[in-house]
Structure formats: C-alpha cells, structure tokens
Amino acid sequence: RRVLLLRRGVVVGARSNIESEDLTTLALRRNVMSVEEFTAVRDDVVSRAKANVVDAILARGLMPEETLRALALEHAKRIALGAFRWHEGTMKVTLQGSATREAVPVRLAVGEIVVRGILLTEGDDALKAAAPDDARFSPAADSGYGLEDLTLSADEARAVISMDGTKTIKDLVTLFSPGISERTIRGLAAGLLCLNLVRFAGWGPAEARRISFF
C-alpha cells in the first residue's frame, strides 16, 4: 500500500508498507543508519512508542535534519514513481479533511513525478504511440501545472521550449540528437501532454515556418 500526502498539488510526505520502500530500509542502504538503529526505530513504531519512522529517528537523534530531509525526499520519489509500475489492480484516492503535519516536510511537484514516471516505466512502443514522428505539439492555453514544477536539463528545456507547434517530434529528434535521446524527447512530450502543458497541434510540418537551430 502506497500513500502520498499532497498539499496544494505538491507531495509533502509518503508512506509505504512495502518492505523495499520503507524509509528505514532506504536509510540502511544509504549507510546513514546502523542495523542496531534500524531495529530500534522499527521497535519504536511497532510498540507505538512513536507514531512513525520519522518521529522515531528525530527522537533518537540518529541523523541531522538535513540528512533526514534528503532521505525523506528520495523516499517520497521512490514511492511515487513506484505507482507507475502497477499493471493491474486499482488505485484509490482518499481525501482527508485534516492531515497530520509531517515532522520533516518535503516538497515534490506532481508534474515532476508524472514526467519522470513516464520516462522510467513506459515502453518505447507506448512512447512512440503517444508522440509519433509527424505529431506537432504546442503550449496549452490553460494548465493546472507549470514548467517550473519540472527539473529539466539544459537540453531538455530547449526541447520543451521548441514544442511550439512549428516542429514535429521527428524534427526535435533531429535537432537535439545526440544531446538528448529520442526516447527522452518522446517521453517529455507524452508527460507534458498528460499534464496539459502542451496540446496536440496537428500532423506534419507547419506551413511557412522554419525550424530554428540552437
């Protein structure tokens, strides 16, 4: 069971009862917690001496808050991205009137999770179907998300800006190869389309337009 705590469209906390996604397991793998500390923290939670793993770690003073914050952010990303690997079953969204305040809040934009989740888990055939060679995309008029929610490399940012309705996906692949892979360009287009940051603008090259080179 994966639980994401969202506040105003931003992931601020995450929980999972899957062993490989437990925060203590991640801490052990990153060598920021010993086996003895790992056992003690889990005992605190199981015995209900502490409400959650974060509270137990803070109470025992096992690591600086900066380290814990970085660990919690990685933990939230792993759980959120794991949701993209579900191929069967159902997902339930529960809205709560009041959520418990996180001891170590993290901020992770939903837009970033959607784009990276698609890039990490979608097959090449699915990405090519979502963003075929002759498709053109342009910025959407109204979107619930913004490009500032995404962490993009310089090449990725230039590719996104170039989705202005004048270039096909094949044009973008030609323009930005080898700096950015064909798969990444198609994945970015699919993710931005899913987030309504771009819209389908037609097939083939736009008439009387030129491709700009960087």
Protein backbone atom coordinates (compact mmCIF):
# COMPACT_ATOMS: atom_id res chain seq x y z
CA ARG A 1 0.00 0.00 0.00
CA ARG A 2 1.41 3.34 -1.04
CA VAL A 3 0.17 6.59 0.46
CA LEU A 4 1.14 10.05 -0.75
CA LEU A 5 0.26 13.13 1.28
CA LEU A 6 -0.47 16.01 -1.07
CA ARG A 7 -0.94 19.62 -0.12
CA ARG A 8 -1.93 22.13 -2.84
CA GLY A 9 -0.83 19.82 -5.64
CA VAL A 10 2.57 19.06 -4.07
CA VAL A 11 3.69 15.79 -2.49
CA VAL A 12 4.73 16.66 1.06
CA GLY A 13 5.00 13.18 2.55
CA ALA A 14 4.89 9.49 1.66
CA ARG A 15 4.24 6.14 3.34
CA SER A 16 4.59 2.57 2.12
CA ASN A 17 4.20 -0.81 3.80
CA ILE A 18 6.21 -2.49 1.02
CA GLU A 19 9.45 -3.66 2.62
CA SER A 20 11.77 -2.37 -0.11
CA GLU A 21 10.13 1.09 0.09
CA ASP A 22 10.34 1.51 3.85
CA LEU A 23 12.24 4.61 4.98
CA THR A 24 14.36 2.59 7.41
CA THR A 25 15.35 0.18 4.61
CA LEU A 26 16.44 3.14 2.47
CA ALA A 27 18.42 4.60 5.39
CA LEU A 28 20.21 1.28 5.85
CA ARG A 29 21.05 1.08 2.13
CA ARG A 30 22.43 4.62 2.16
CA ASN A 31 24.59 3.81 5.21
CA VAL A 32 23.11 6.59 7.33
CA MET A 33 21.70 4.14 9.88
CA SER A 34 23.26 1.07 11.53
CA VAL A 35 21.49 -2.29 11.83
CA GLU A 36 21.06 -1.66 15.56
CA GLU A 37 19.50 1.76 14.95
CA PHE A 38 17.31 0.27 12.19
CA THR A 39 15.95 -2.31 14.68
CA ALA A 40 15.43 0.25 17.44
CA VAL A 41 13.47 2.63 15.19
CA ARG A 42 11.23 -0.16 13.95
CA ASP A 43 10.65 -1.33 17.52
CA ASP A 44 9.61 2.21 18.49
CA VAL A 45 6.98 2.25 15.75
CA VAL A 46 5.72 -1.30 16.29
CA SER A 47 5.37 -0.71 20.04
CA ARG A 48 3.66 2.62 19.26
CA ALA A 49 6.18 4.49 21.35
CA LYS A 50 6.43 6.75 18.28
CA ALA A 51 3.79 7.46 15.64
CA ASN A 52 6.06 6.95 12.64
CA VAL A 53 9.62 6.29 11.47
CA VAL A 54 10.50 9.99 11.09
CA ASP A 55 9.41 10.77 14.67
CA ALA A 56 11.45 7.82 15.96
CA ILE A 57 14.58 8.92 14.06
CA LEU A 58 14.25 12.50 15.31
CA ALA A 59 13.60 11.44 18.91
CA ARG A 60 16.71 9.26 18.94
CA GLY A 61 18.83 11.95 17.24
CA LEU A 62 20.18 9.42 14.74
CA MET A 63 20.95 11.89 11.94
CA PRO A 64 20.95 15.63 11.21
CA GLU A 65 17.66 17.01 9.93
CA GLU A 66 19.31 17.96 6.63
CA THR A 67 20.27 14.32 6.03
CA LEU A 68 16.82 13.13 7.09
CA ARG A 69 15.15 15.67 4.78
CA ALA A 70 17.20 14.45 1.79
CA LEU A 71 16.39 10.85 2.69
CA ALA A 72 12.68 11.64 3.05
CA LEU A 73 12.65 13.34 -0.36
CA GLU A 74 14.26 10.32 -2.02
CA HIS A 75 11.79 8.09 -0.16
CA ALA A 76 8.81 10.10 -1.47
CA LYS A 77 10.15 9.95 -5.04
CA ARG A 78 10.63 6.16 -4.86
CA ILE A 79 7.08 5.60 -3.62
CA ALA A 80 5.50 7.98 -6.12
CA LEU A 81 7.43 6.57 -9.07
CA GLY A 82 6.58 3.05 -7.91
CA ALA A 83 2.91 3.80 -8.61
CA PHE A 84 3.72 3.89 -12.34
CA ARG A 85 4.78 0.24 -12.22
CA TRP A 86 1.29 -1.03 -11.40
CA HIS A 87 -0.10 -3.03 -14.33
CA GLU A 88 -3.21 -4.43 -12.64
CA GLY A 89 -5.46 -3.78 -9.68
CA THR A 90 -6.94 -0.46 -8.62
CA MET A 91 -5.81 2.77 -7.07
CA LYS A 92 -7.89 4.66 -4.53
CA VAL A 93 -7.68 8.35 -3.74
CA THR A 94 -8.79 9.37 -0.27
CA LEU A 95 -9.36 13.00 0.67
CA GLN A 96 -8.91 13.82 4.34
CA GLY A 97 -10.17 16.99 5.99
CA SER A 98 -7.05 17.33 8.12
CA ALA A 99 -3.69 15.67 7.55
CA THR A 100 -1.04 15.04 10.17
CA ARG A 101 1.75 17.59 9.87
CA GLU A 102 4.95 15.96 8.66
CA ALA A 103 7.87 16.16 11.08
CA VAL A 104 10.22 16.58 8.10
CA PRO A 105 8.24 18.10 5.23
CA VAL A 106 9.41 17.52 1.67
CA ARG A 107 8.19 19.23 -1.48
CA LEU A 108 7.93 17.19 -4.64
CA ALA A 109 5.93 18.53 -7.59
CA VAL A 110 3.32 16.18 -9.03
CA GLY A 111 4.31 17.31 -12.53
CA GLU A 112 7.86 16.09 -11.96
CA ILE A 113 6.59 12.69 -10.80
CA VAL A 114 4.34 12.29 -13.84
CA VAL A 115 7.09 13.14 -16.35
CA ARG A 116 9.81 11.04 -14.67
CA GLY A 117 7.38 8.20 -14.03
CA ILE A 118 6.52 8.03 -17.73
CA LEU A 119 10.20 8.24 -18.74
CA LEU A 120 11.21 5.48 -16.33
CA THR A 121 8.42 2.99 -16.88
CA GLU A 122 6.75 3.37 -20.28
CA GLY A 123 7.90 1.11 -23.12
CA ASP A 124 9.35 2.54 -26.33
CA ASP A 125 6.28 1.47 -28.35
CA ALA A 126 3.94 3.29 -25.96
CA LEU A 127 6.01 6.47 -26.12
CA LYS A 128 6.13 6.34 -29.92
CA ALA A 129 2.34 5.94 -29.99
CA ALA A 130 1.91 8.94 -27.65
CA ALA A 131 4.38 11.12 -29.60
CA PRO A 132 4.72 9.79 -33.17
CA ASP A 133 7.19 11.21 -35.69
CA ASP A 134 4.76 13.50 -37.52
CA ALA A 135 2.92 14.87 -34.46
CA ARG A 136 3.29 18.54 -33.53
CA PHE A 137 2.61 19.93 -30.07
CA SER A 138 2.22 23.50 -28.85
CA PRO A 139 1.74 25.09 -25.40
CA ALA A 140 -1.70 24.58 -23.83
CA ALA A 141 -3.72 27.69 -23.07
CA ASP A 142 -4.70 26.70 -19.53
CA SER A 143 -2.85 24.26 -17.35
CA GLY A 144 -3.01 23.28 -13.70
CA TYR A 145 0.76 22.84 -13.65
CA GLY A 146 3.68 24.95 -14.76
CA LEU A 147 7.06 24.19 -16.31
CA GLU A 148 8.62 25.49 -13.09
CA ASP A 149 7.40 22.23 -11.49
CA LEU A 150 9.84 20.25 -13.65
CA THR A 151 13.55 19.68 -13.15
CA LEU A 152 14.96 19.79 -16.69
CA SER A 153 18.48 19.69 -18.07
CA ALA A 154 19.51 22.49 -20.46
CA ASP A 155 18.91 20.24 -23.49
CA GLU A 156 15.56 19.03 -22.14
CA ALA A 157 14.45 22.62 -21.51
CA ARG A 158 15.37 23.64 -25.07
CA ALA A 159 13.45 20.65 -26.45
CA VAL A 160 10.37 21.57 -24.38
CA ILE A 161 10.53 25.22 -25.47
CA SER A 162 10.73 24.02 -29.08
CA MET A 163 7.35 22.27 -28.75
CA ASP A 164 5.78 25.42 -30.19
CA GLY A 165 3.66 23.91 -32.94
CA THR A 166 6.24 24.53 -35.69
CA LYS A 167 8.22 21.30 -35.33
CA THR A 168 7.31 17.64 -35.48
CA ILE A 169 8.67 15.11 -33.00
CA LYS A 170 10.99 13.89 -35.75
CA ASP A 171 12.26 17.48 -36.19
CA LEU A 172 13.01 17.66 -32.45
CA VAL A 173 14.85 14.33 -32.52
CA THR A 174 16.99 15.60 -35.41
CA LEU A 175 17.63 18.94 -33.71
CA PHE A 176 18.66 17.66 -30.30
CA SER A 177 20.42 14.37 -31.04
CA PRO A 178 22.77 13.23 -29.58
CA GLY A 179 22.49 15.61 -26.62
CA ILE A 180 19.08 14.25 -25.69
CA SER A 181 17.80 10.80 -26.66
CA GLU A 182 14.82 10.13 -28.92
CA ARG A 183 13.15 8.26 -26.06
CA THR A 184 13.51 11.26 -23.73
CA ILE A 185 12.01 13.64 -26.31
CA ARG A 186 9.00 11.36 -26.81
CA GLY A 187 8.69 10.84 -23.04
CA LEU A 188 8.77 14.57 -22.36
CA ALA A 189 6.06 15.13 -24.97
CA ALA A 190 3.90 12.36 -23.51
CA GLY A 191 4.35 13.69 -19.97
CA LEU A 192 3.62 17.30 -20.89
CA LEU A 193 0.54 16.17 -22.82
CA CYS A 194 -0.64 14.21 -19.78
CA LEU A 195 -0.17 17.31 -17.59
CA ASN A 196 -1.91 19.53 -20.18
CA LEU A 197 1.23 21.63 -20.53
CA VAL A 198 1.15 21.02 -24.30
CA ARG A 199 -1.67 20.20 -26.70
CA PHE A 200 -1.75 18.29 -29.99
CA ALA A 201 -1.32 20.85 -32.78
CA GLY A 202 -1.63 18.64 -35.87
CA TRP A 203 0.38 16.41 -38.15
CA GLY A 204 3.38 17.24 -40.33
CA PRO A 205 5.39 20.46 -40.58
CA ALA A 206 3.61 23.77 -40.15
CA GLU A 207 3.34 25.70 -43.40
CA ALA A 208 5.60 28.71 -43.99
CA ARG A 209 7.55 28.05 -40.81
CA ARG A 210 11.25 27.40 -40.34
CA ILE A 211 13.00 25.17 -37.87
CA SER A 212 15.20 27.19 -35.52
CA PHE A 213 18.56 25.75 -34.52
CA PHE A 214 20.32 26.32 -31.21
